């Protein structure tokens, strides 16, 4: 199981990261980005994502 091998301290966060990796996600959106600081997927807050999306239009 990939989630067990990830360098994340919380198993639920590791499961979310493994799921994001499995579907080739570009980003994980979370209000608690510090839990994902060792993630292989970039993590942003909902506010950061909205700001990025505003810049795309």
PDB file of N, CA and C in Angstrom:
ATOM      1  N   UNK A   1       0.841  -1.176   0.000  1.00  0.00           N
ATOM      2  CA  UNK A   1       0.000   0.000   0.000  1.00  0.00           C
ATOM      3  C   UNK A   1       0.890   1.244   0.000  1.00  0.00           C
ATOM      4  N   UNK A   2       0.718   2.084  -0.987  1.00  0.00           N
ATOM      5  CA  UNK A   2       1.556   3.269  -1.171  1.00  0.00           C
ATOM      6  C   UNK A   2       1.460   4.219   0.014  1.00  0.00           C
ATOM      7  N   UNK A   3       0.278   4.396   0.552  1.00  0.00           N
ATOM      8  CA  UNK A   3       0.085   5.364   1.641  1.00  0.00           C
ATOM      9  C   UNK A   3       0.981   5.071   2.836  1.00  0.00           C
ATOM     10  N   UNK A   4       1.216   3.812   3.128  1.00  0.00           N
ATOM     11  CA  UNK A   4       2.064   3.449   4.265  1.00  0.00           C
ATOM     12  C   UNK A   4       3.514   3.855   4.057  1.00  0.00           C
ATOM     13  N   UNK A   5       3.948   3.949   2.817  1.00  0.00           N
ATOM     14  CA  UNK A   5       5.339   4.284   2.516  1.00  0.00           C
ATOM     15  C   UNK A   5       5.583   5.788   2.419  1.00  0.00           C
ATOM     16  N   UNK A   6       4.525   6.578   2.399  1.00  0.00           N
ATOM     17  CA  UNK A   6       4.691   8.033   2.253  1.00  0.00           C
ATOM     18  C   UNK A   6       5.195   8.661   3.553  1.00  0.00           C
ATOM     19  N   UNK A   7       5.991   9.728   3.443  1.00  0.00           N
ATOM     20  CA  UNK A   7       6.572  10.367   4.629  1.00  0.00           C
ATOM     21  C   UNK A   7       5.610  11.348   5.309  1.00  0.00           C
ATOM     22  N   UNK A   8       4.372  10.915   5.509  1.00  0.00           N
ATOM     23  CA  UNK A   8       3.370  11.742   6.177  1.00  0.00           C
ATOM     24  C   UNK A   8       3.028  11.093   7.511  1.00  0.00           C
ATOM     25  N   UNK A   9       2.861  11.915   8.534  1.00  0.00           N
ATOM     26  CA  UNK A   9       2.633  11.359   9.868  1.00  0.00           C
ATOM     27  C   UNK A   9       1.200  10.880  10.097  1.00  0.00           C
ATOM     28  N   UNK A  10       0.249  11.420   9.348  1.00  0.00           N
ATOM     29  CA  UNK A  10      -1.157  11.052   9.527  1.00  0.00           C
ATOM     30  C   UNK A  10      -1.584  10.119   8.395  1.00  0.00           C
ATOM     31  N   UNK A  11      -2.116   8.949   8.754  1.00  0.00           N
ATOM     32  CA  UNK A  11      -2.468   7.961   7.739  1.00  0.00           C
ATOM     33  C   UNK A  11      -3.570   8.459   6.808  1.00  0.00           C
ATOM     34  N   UNK A  12      -4.553   9.189   7.321  1.00  0.00           N
ATOM     35  CA  UNK A  12      -5.618   9.706   6.452  1.00  0.00           C
ATOM     36  C   UNK A  12      -5.058  10.689   5.434  1.00  0.00           C
ATOM     37  N   UNK A  13      -4.128  11.535   5.847  1.00  0.00           N
ATOM     38  CA  UNK A  13      -3.482  12.456   4.908  1.00  0.00           C
ATOM     39  C   UNK A  13      -2.679  11.670   3.876  1.00  0.00           C
ATOM     40  N   UNK A  14      -2.014  10.610   4.319  1.00  0.00           N
ATOM     41  CA  UNK A  14      -1.251   9.772   3.396  1.00  0.00           C
ATOM     42  C   UNK A  14      -2.172   9.095   2.378  1.00  0.00           C
ATOM     43  N   UNK A  15      -3.343   8.677   2.816  1.00  0.00           N
ATOM     44  CA  UNK A  15      -4.318   8.079   1.892  1.00  0.00           C
ATOM     45  C   UNK A  15      -4.764   9.099   0.842  1.00  0.00           C
ATOM     46  N   UNK A  16      -5.009  10.329   1.276  1.00  0.00           N
ATOM     47  CA  UNK A  16      -5.415  11.367   0.324  1.00  0.00           C
ATOM     48  C   UNK A  16      -4.298  11.673  -0.663  1.00  0.00           C
ATOM     49  N   UNK A  17      -3.071  11.711  -0.160  1.00  0.00           N
ATOM     50  CA  UNK A  17      -1.923  11.958  -1.032  1.00  0.00           C
ATOM     51  C   UNK A  17      -1.750  10.805  -2.026  1.00  0.00           C
ATOM     52  N   UNK A  18      -1.867   9.581  -1.563  1.00  0.00           N
ATOM     53  CA  UNK A  18      -1.743   8.421  -2.447  1.00  0.00           C
ATOM     54  C   UNK A  18      -2.846   8.429  -3.508  1.00  0.00           C
ATOM     55  N   UNK A  19      -4.042   8.818  -3.122  1.00  0.00           N
ATOM     56  CA  UNK A  19      -5.150   8.914  -4.086  1.00  0.00           C
ATOM     57  C   UNK A  19      -4.868   9.985  -5.126  1.00  0.00           C
ATOM     58  N   UNK A  20      -4.338  11.117  -4.678  1.00  0.00           N
ATOM     59  CA  UNK A  20      -3.999  12.204  -5.608  1.00  0.00           C
ATOM     60  C   UNK A  20      -2.907  11.748  -6.579  1.00  0.00           C
ATOM     61  N   UNK A  21      -1.936  11.017  -6.071  1.00  0.00           N
ATOM     62  CA  UNK A  21      -0.868  10.500  -6.928  1.00  0.00           C
ATOM     63  C   UNK A  21      -1.426   9.507  -7.950  1.00  0.00           C
ATOM     64  N   UNK A  22      -2.347   8.661  -7.514  1.00  0.00           N
ATOM     65  CA  UNK A  22      -2.913   7.629  -8.388  1.00  0.00           C
ATOM     66  C   UNK A  22      -3.690   8.218  -9.552  1.00  0.00           C
ATOM     67  N   UNK A  23      -4.294   9.371  -9.345  1.00  0.00           N
ATOM     68  CA  UNK A  23      -5.079   9.978 -10.434  1.00  0.00           C
ATOM     69  C   UNK A  23      -4.329  11.138 -11.099  1.00  0.00           C
ATOM     70  N   UNK A  24      -3.027  11.233 -10.826  1.00  0.00           N
ATOM     71  CA  UNK A  24      -2.179  12.273 -11.429  1.00  0.00           C
ATOM     72  C   UNK A  24      -2.678  13.685 -11.154  1.00  0.00           C
ATOM     73  N   UNK A  25      -3.162  13.910  -9.949  1.00  0.00           N
ATOM     74  CA  UNK A  25      -3.635  15.240  -9.566  1.00  0.00           C
ATOM     75  C   UNK A  25      -2.459  16.216  -9.525  1.00  0.00           C
ATOM     76  N   UNK A  26      -2.733  17.457  -9.834  1.00  0.00           N
ATOM     77  CA  UNK A  26      -1.702  18.497  -9.793  1.00  0.00           C
ATOM     78  C   UNK A  26      -1.573  19.115  -8.416  1.00  0.00           C
ATOM     79  N   UNK A  27      -2.654  19.051  -7.644  1.00  0.00           N
ATOM     80  CA  UNK A  27      -2.674  19.770  -6.375  1.00  0.00           C
ATOM     81  C   UNK A  27      -3.637  19.101  -5.400  1.00  0.00           C
ATOM     82  N   UNK A  28      -3.330  19.223  -4.111  1.00  0.00           N
ATOM     83  CA  UNK A  28      -4.249  18.848  -3.039  1.00  0.00           C
ATOM     84  C   UNK A  28      -4.709  20.146  -2.406  1.00  0.00           C
ATOM     85  N   UNK A  29      -5.999  20.287  -2.190  1.00  0.00           N
ATOM     86  CA  UNK A  29      -6.542  21.484  -1.566  1.00  0.00           C
ATOM     87  C   UNK A  29      -6.936  21.131  -0.139  1.00  0.00           C
ATOM     88  N   UNK A  30      -6.375  21.869   0.816  1.00  0.00           N
ATOM     89  CA  UNK A  30      -6.623  21.586   2.227  1.00  0.00           C
ATOM     90  C   UNK A  30      -6.493  22.862   3.038  1.00  0.00           C
ATOM     91  N   UNK A  31      -7.289  22.962   4.078  1.00  0.00           N
ATOM     92  CA  UNK A  31      -7.142  24.099   4.994  1.00  0.00           C
ATOM     93  C   UNK A  31      -5.945  23.901   5.918  1.00  0.00           C
ATOM     94  N   UNK A  32      -5.410  22.701   5.951  1.00  0.00           N
ATOM     95  CA  UNK A  32      -4.307  22.382   6.839  1.00  0.00           C
ATOM     96  C   UNK A  32      -3.100  21.918   6.015  1.00  0.00           C
ATOM     97  N   UNK A  33      -2.479  22.836   5.289  1.00  0.00           N
ATOM     98  CA  UNK A  33      -1.395  22.476   4.379  1.00  0.00           C
ATOM     99  C   UNK A  33      -0.153  21.976   5.108  1.00  0.00           C
ATOM    100  N   UNK A  34       0.008  22.341   6.374  1.00  0.00           N
ATOM    101  CA  UNK A  34       1.212  21.896   7.099  1.00  0.00           C
ATOM    102  C   UNK A  34       1.255  20.373   7.237  1.00  0.00           C
ATOM    103  N   UNK A  35       0.103  19.722   7.221  1.00  0.00           N
ATOM    104  CA  UNK A  35       0.078  18.264   7.298  1.00  0.00           C
ATOM    105  C   UNK A  35       0.633  17.605   6.038  1.00  0.00           C
ATOM    106  N   UNK A  36       0.732  18.370   4.961  1.00  0.00           N
ATOM    107  CA  UNK A  36       1.179  17.831   3.681  1.00  0.00           C
ATOM    108  C   UNK A  36       2.553  18.351   3.270  1.00  0.00           C
ATOM    109  N   UNK A  37       3.303  18.911   4.201  1.00  0.00           N
ATOM    110  CA  UNK A  37       4.579  19.508   3.813  1.00  0.00           C
ATOM    111  C   UNK A  37       5.573  18.491   3.268  1.00  0.00           C
ATOM    112  N   UNK A  38       5.411  17.208   3.568  1.00  0.00           N
ATOM    113  CA  UNK A  38       6.276  16.166   3.009  1.00  0.00           C
ATOM    114  C   UNK A  38       5.624  15.439   1.832  1.00  0.00           C
ATOM    115  N   UNK A  39       4.540  15.989   1.332  1.00  0.00           N
ATOM    116  CA  UNK A  39       3.798  15.370   0.238  1.00  0.00           C
ATOM    117  C   UNK A  39       4.540  15.540  -1.088  1.00  0.00           C
ATOM    118  N   UNK A  40       4.336  14.582  -1.987  1.00  0.00           N
ATOM    119  CA  UNK A  40       4.895  14.691  -3.324  1.00  0.00           C
ATOM    120  C   UNK A  40       3.982  15.487  -4.249  1.00  0.00           C
ATOM    121  N   UNK A  41       2.810  15.853  -3.761  1.00  0.00           N
ATOM    122  CA  UNK A  41       1.842  16.651  -4.517  1.00  0.00           C
ATOM    123  C   UNK A  41       1.779  18.039  -3.872  1.00  0.00           C
ATOM    124  N   UNK A  42       1.805  19.060  -4.677  1.00  0.00           N
ATOM    125  CA  UNK A  42       1.711  20.430  -4.161  1.00  0.00           C
ATOM    126  C   UNK A  42       0.389  20.599  -3.423  1.00  0.00           C
ATOM    127  N   UNK A  43       0.432  21.277  -2.294  1.00  0.00           N
ATOM    128  CA  UNK A  43      -0.770  21.489  -1.483  1.00  0.00           C
ATOM    129  C   UNK A  43      -1.005  22.975  -1.289  1.00  0.00           C
ATOM    130  N   UNK A  44      -2.245  23.401  -1.483  1.00  0.00           N
ATOM    131  CA  UNK A  44      -2.625  24.800  -1.323  1.00  0.00           C
ATOM    132  C   UNK A  44      -3.907  24.881  -0.509  1.00  0.00           C
ATOM    133  N   UNK A  45      -4.147  26.054   0.058  1.00  0.00           N
ATOM    134  CA  UNK A  45      -5.409  26.298   0.752  1.00  0.00           C
ATOM    135  C   UNK A  45      -6.487  26.598  -0.284  1.00  0.00           C
ATOM    136  N   UNK A  46      -7.761  26.509   0.105  1.00  0.00           N
ATOM    137  CA  UNK A  46      -8.825  26.873  -0.837  1.00  0.00           C
ATOM    138  C   UNK A  46      -8.670  28.314  -1.336  1.00  0.00           C
ATOM    139  N   UNK A  47      -8.255  29.203  -0.458  1.00  0.00           N
ATOM    140  CA  UNK A  47      -8.067  30.604  -0.840  1.00  0.00           C
ATOM    141  C   UNK A  47      -6.959  30.749  -1.882  1.00  0.00           C
ATOM    142  N   UNK A  48      -5.859  30.024  -1.686  1.00  0.00           N
ATOM    143  CA  UNK A  48      -4.756  30.076  -2.651  1.00  0.00           C
ATOM    144  C   UNK A  48      -5.201  29.554  -4.013  1.00  0.00           C
ATOM    145  N   UNK A  49      -5.967  28.480  -4.016  1.00  0.00           N
ATOM    146  CA  UNK A  49      -6.448  27.931  -5.284  1.00  0.00           C
ATOM    147  C   UNK A  49      -7.343  28.934  -6.005  1.00  0.00           C
ATOM    148  N   UNK A  50      -8.238  29.573  -5.274  1.00  0.00           N
ATOM    149  CA  UNK A  50      -9.117  30.564  -5.899  1.00  0.00           C
ATOM    150  C   UNK A  50      -8.317  31.717  -6.491  1.00  0.00           C
ATOM    151  N   UNK A  51      -7.283  32.163  -5.792  1.00  0.00           N
ATOM    152  CA  UNK A  51      -6.431  33.239  -6.314  1.00  0.00           C
ATOM    153  C   UNK A  51      -5.717  32.783  -7.589  1.00  0.00           C
ATOM    154  N   UNK A  52      -5.232  31.555  -7.596  1.00  0.00           N
ATOM    155  CA  UNK A  52      -4.578  31.027  -8.794  1.00  0.00           C
ATOM    156  C   UNK A  52      -5.547  30.925  -9.959  1.00  0.00           C
ATOM    157  N   UNK A  53      -6.761  30.472  -9.675  1.00  0.00           N
ATOM    158  CA  UNK A  53      -7.757  30.338 -10.745  1.00  0.00           C
ATOM    159  C   UNK A  53      -8.177  31.696 -11.288  1.00  0.00           C
ATOM    160  N   UNK A  54      -8.222  32.703 -10.432  1.00  0.00           N
ATOM    161  CA  UNK A  54      -8.547  34.061 -10.899  1.00  0.00           C
ATOM    162  C   UNK A  54      -7.503  34.553 -11.887  1.00  0.00           C
ATOM    163  N   UNK A  55      -6.245  34.187 -11.651  1.00  0.00           N
ATOM    164  CA  UNK A  55      -5.164  34.611 -12.528  1.00  0.00           C
ATOM    165  C   UNK A  55      -5.182  33.921 -13.882  1.00  0.00           C
ATOM    166  N   UNK A  56      -5.941  32.837 -14.015  1.00  0.00           N
ATOM    167  CA  UNK A  56      -5.993  32.083 -15.263  1.00  0.00           C
ATOM    168  C   UNK A  56      -6.985  32.675 -16.259  1.00  0.00           C
ATOM    169  N   UNK A  57      -7.868  33.517 -15.796  1.00  0.00           N
ATOM    170  CA  UNK A  57      -8.909  34.007 -16.716  1.00  0.00           C
ATOM    171  C   UNK A  57      -8.495  35.214 -17.502  1.00  0.00           C
TER     172      UNK A  57
END
